[in-house]
C-alpha atoms as a PDB file:
ATOM      1  CA  MET A   1      21.215  16.319  17.566  1.00  0.00           C
ATOM      2  CA  ASP A   2      21.765  12.829  18.916  1.00  0.00           C
ATOM      3  CA  ALA A   3      21.796  10.224  16.102  1.00  0.00           C
ATOM      4  CA  LYS A   4      19.047   8.212  17.789  1.00  0.00           C
ATOM      5  CA  PHE A   5      16.703  11.187  17.246  1.00  0.00           C
ATOM      6  CA  GLU A   6      17.625  11.683  13.575  1.00  0.00           C
ATOM      7  CA  ASN A   7      14.352  10.260  12.258  1.00  0.00           C
ATOM      8  CA  LEU A   8      12.302  12.409  14.645  1.00  0.00           C
ATOM      9  CA  GLU A   9      14.020  15.409  13.093  1.00  0.00           C
ATOM     10  CA  LYS A  10      13.244  14.046   9.629  1.00  0.00           C
ATOM     11  CA  MET A  11       9.577  13.806  10.629  1.00  0.00           C
ATOM     12  CA  MET A  12       9.665  17.518  11.487  1.00  0.00           C
ATOM     13  CA  LEU A  13      11.295  18.220   8.106  1.00  0.00           C
ATOM     14  CA  ILE A  14       8.434  16.322   6.435  1.00  0.00           C
ATOM     15  CA  TRP A  15       5.866  18.600   8.063  1.00  0.00           C
ATOM     16  CA  ASN A  16       7.825  21.692   6.972  1.00  0.00           C
ATOM     17  CA  SER A  17       8.475  20.619   3.385  1.00  0.00           C
ATOM     18  CA  SER A  18       6.345  21.696   0.450  1.00  0.00           C
ATOM     19  CA  ASP A  19       8.176  19.427  -2.002  1.00  0.00           C
ATOM     20  CA  ALA A  20       6.221  16.211  -2.690  1.00  0.00           C
ATOM     21  CA  ALA A  21       9.319  14.209  -3.653  1.00  0.00           C
ATOM     22  CA  GLU A  22      11.152  15.274  -0.496  1.00  0.00           C
ATOM     23  CA  ILE A  23       8.143  14.372   1.668  1.00  0.00           C
ATOM     24  CA  GLU A  24       8.049  10.933   0.067  1.00  0.00           C
ATOM     25  CA  ARG A  25      11.818  10.396   0.449  1.00  0.00           C
ATOM     26  CA  LEU A  26      11.950  11.526   4.075  1.00  0.00           C
ATOM     27  CA  THR A  27       8.922   9.401   4.942  1.00  0.00           C
ATOM     28  CA  LYS A  28      10.627   6.283   3.572  1.00  0.00           C
ATOM     29  CA  GLU A  29      13.841   7.134   5.416  1.00  0.00           C
ATOM     30  CA  ALA A  30      12.276   7.980   8.787  1.00  0.00           C
ATOM     31  CA  LEU A  31       9.236   5.710   9.152  1.00  0.00           C
ATOM     32  CA  GLU A  32       8.829   1.950   9.054  1.00  0.00           C
ATOM     33  CA  HIS A  33       6.651   0.860   6.123  1.00  0.00           C
ATOM     34  CA  ASN A  34       3.776   0.050   8.492  1.00  0.00           C
ATOM     35  CA  ALA A  35       4.222   2.964  10.912  1.00  0.00           C
ATOM     36  CA  HIS A  36       1.072   3.805  12.878  1.00  0.00           C
ATOM     37  CA  PHE A  37       0.165   7.482  13.358  1.00  0.00           C
ATOM     38  CA  VAL A  38      -2.712   8.426  15.613  1.00  0.00           C
ATOM     39  CA  ASP A  39      -3.920  11.785  16.938  1.00  0.00           C
ATOM     40  CA  PRO A  40      -7.373  13.236  17.682  1.00  0.00           C
ATOM     41  CA  THR A  41      -8.141  13.560  13.949  1.00  0.00           C
ATOM     42  CA  HIS A  42      -6.175  10.675  12.356  1.00  0.00           C
ATOM     43  CA  ASN A  43      -5.615   6.956  12.785  1.00  0.00           C
ATOM     44  CA  ILE A  44      -3.512   5.753   9.873  1.00  0.00           C
ATOM     45  CA  ILE A  45      -0.990   3.065   9.030  1.00  0.00           C
ATOM     46  CA  GLY A  46       1.773   3.082   6.417  1.00  0.00           C
ATOM     47  CA  HIS A  47       3.776   5.419   4.225  1.00  0.00           C
ATOM     48  CA  ASP A  48       1.060   6.201   1.683  1.00  0.00           C
ATOM     49  CA  ALA A  49      -1.464   7.134   4.353  1.00  0.00           C
ATOM     50  CA  PHE A  50       1.102   9.265   6.189  1.00  0.00           C
ATOM     51  CA  VAL A  51       2.113  11.172   3.045  1.00  0.00           C
ATOM     52  CA  ALA A  52      -1.544  11.754   2.141  1.00  0.00           C
ATOM     53  CA  MET A  53      -2.227  13.063   5.666  1.00  0.00           C
ATOM     54  CA  VAL A  54       0.702  15.506   5.409  1.00  0.00           C
ATOM     55  CA  HIS A  55      -0.569  16.833   2.061  1.00  0.00           C
ATOM     56  CA  ARG A  56      -4.132  17.228   3.407  1.00  0.00           C
ATOM     57  CA  THR A  57      -2.819  19.099   6.430  1.00  0.00           C
ATOM     58  CA  HIS A  58      -0.682  21.377   4.241  1.00  0.00           C
ATOM     59  CA  LYS A  59      -3.772  22.234   2.172  1.00  0.00           C
ATOM     60  CA  ARG A  60      -5.765  23.030   5.341  1.00  0.00           C
ATOM     61  CA  ILE A  61      -3.006  25.144   6.931  1.00  0.00           C
ATOM     62  CA  PRO A  62      -0.769  26.449   4.122  1.00  0.00           C
ATOM     63  CA  GLY A  63       2.455  28.070   5.255  1.00  0.00           C
ATOM     64  CA  ALA A  64       2.400  26.731   8.817  1.00  0.00           C
ATOM     65  CA  THR A  65       5.705  26.042  10.579  1.00  0.00           C
ATOM     66  CA  TYR A  66       6.092  22.913  12.702  1.00  0.00           C
ATOM     67  CA  SER A  67       8.791  22.601  15.359  1.00  0.00           C
ATOM     68  CA  HIS A  68       9.815  20.872  18.556  1.00  0.00           C
ATOM     69  CA  ALA A  69       8.971  22.924  21.641  1.00  0.00           C
ATOM     70  CA  SER A  70      11.016  20.840  24.087  1.00  0.00           C
ATOM     71  CA  GLU A  71      13.941  18.507  24.292  1.00  0.00           C
ATOM     72  CA  ILE A  72      13.320  14.889  23.291  1.00  0.00           C
ATOM     73  CA  ASP A  73      13.199  12.533  26.254  1.00  0.00           C
ATOM     74  CA  MET A  74      13.724   8.810  25.609  1.00  0.00           C
ATOM     75  CA  GLN A  75      13.468   5.564  27.523  1.00  0.00           C
ATOM     76  CA  ASN A  76      13.298   2.032  26.100  1.00  0.00           C
ATOM     77  CA  ASN A  77      12.712   3.187  22.487  1.00  0.00           C
ATOM     78  CA  PHE A  78       9.856   5.509  23.520  1.00  0.00           C
ATOM     79  CA  CYS A  79      10.313   9.230  23.007  1.00  0.00           C
ATOM     80  CA  ARG A  80       8.246  12.110  24.314  1.00  0.00           C
ATOM     81  CA  TYR A  81       8.385  15.734  23.286  1.00  0.00           C
ATOM     82  CA  HIS A  82       6.285  18.858  22.883  1.00  0.00           C
ATOM     83  CA  TRP A  83       5.711  20.427  19.497  1.00  0.00           C
ATOM     84  CA  LYS A  84       4.127  23.592  18.182  1.00  0.00           C
ATOM     85  CA  ILE A  85       2.548  24.881  15.003  1.00  0.00           C
ATOM     86  CA  ASP A  86       2.936  28.563  14.117  1.00  0.00           C
ATOM     87  CA  LEU A  87       1.572  30.621  11.244  1.00  0.00           C
ATOM     88  CA  ASP A  88       2.578  34.197  10.457  1.00  0.00           C
ATOM     89  CA  GLY A  89       4.246  34.571  13.848  1.00  0.00           C
ATOM     90  CA  LYS A  90       1.185  33.387  15.775  1.00  0.00           C
ATOM     91  CA  ARG A  91       0.815  30.104  17.664  1.00  0.00           C
ATOM     92  CA  LEU A  92      -1.897  27.901  16.165  1.00  0.00           C
ATOM     93  CA  MET A  93      -1.447  24.861  18.343  1.00  0.00           C
ATOM     94  CA  ASP A  94       0.691  23.204  20.975  1.00  0.00           C
ATOM     95  CA  GLY A  95       0.898  19.452  21.339  1.00  0.00           C
ATOM     96  CA  PHE A  96       2.673  16.463  22.763  1.00  0.00           C
ATOM     97  CA  ASP A  97       3.807  13.243  21.070  1.00  0.00           C
ATOM     98  CA  VAL A  98       4.839   9.867  22.389  1.00  0.00           C
ATOM     99  CA  THR A  99       6.763   8.128  19.625  1.00  0.00           C
ATOM    100  CA  GLU A 100       8.075   4.595  19.457  1.00  0.00           C
ATOM    101  CA  ILE A 101      11.204   3.919  17.445  1.00  0.00           C
ATOM    102  CA  ASN A 102      12.747   0.548  16.685  1.00  0.00           C
ATOM    103  CA  ASP A 103      16.350  -0.415  17.432  1.00  0.00           C
ATOM    104  CA  ALA A 104      17.404   0.950  14.025  1.00  0.00           C
ATOM    105  CA  GLY A 105      15.874   4.336  14.933  1.00  0.00           C
ATOM    106  CA  LYS A 106      12.945   4.191  12.505  1.00  0.00           C
ATOM    107  CA  VAL A 107       9.588   5.496  13.692  1.00  0.00           C
ATOM    108  CA  VAL A 108       7.139   2.685  14.440  1.00  0.00           C
ATOM    109  CA  LYS A 109       4.294   4.597  16.119  1.00  0.00           C
ATOM    110  CA  VAL A 110       3.345   8.187  16.858  1.00  0.00           C
ATOM    111  CA  MET A 111       0.640   9.011  19.395  1.00  0.00           C
ATOM    112  CA  GLY A 112      -0.079  12.719  19.117  1.00  0.00           C
ATOM    113  CA  PHE A 113      -2.058  14.809  21.569  1.00  0.00           C
ATOM    114  CA  PHE A 114      -3.350  18.296  20.829  1.00  0.00           C
ATOM    115  CA  TRP A 115      -2.836  21.134  23.291  1.00  0.00           C
ATOM    116  CA  LEU A 116      -1.028  20.919  26.592  1.00  0.00           C
ATOM    117  CA  LEU A 117      -2.324  19.345  29.775  1.00  0.00           C
ATOM    118  CA  GLU A 118      -3.156  21.830  32.481  1.00  0.00           C
ATOM    119  CA  ARG A 119      -2.387  20.989  36.058  1.00  0.00           C
ATOM    120  CA  ASP A 120      -5.054  21.613  38.704  1.00  0.00           C
ATOM    121  CA  GLY A 121      -3.748  22.964  42.005  1.00  0.00           C
END
């Protein structure tokens, strides 16, 4: 994995961890203190809000596995990639993120979209 994507990989590790201390540590390493995370069900800012969101999601979908479903494409500190959530070998959800990282590689903003866009015609 390219070093510039290291913190995007750490974000995936956060979603797959069940250890509260590891989630906290990885969040501090990967995200700026005032990182903004927005998707159809969340609009939060900061480490504490992010960690709380991860724990709430883990309680709603225990045992789910989160992973990248595409390569990471980057231009001008903006990254885009597909992700997926699986549970017991079955796909629960596909999605797409556009993530902004700063020059140090820390995550500044995540804009998450649920499901994949279908193309007409």
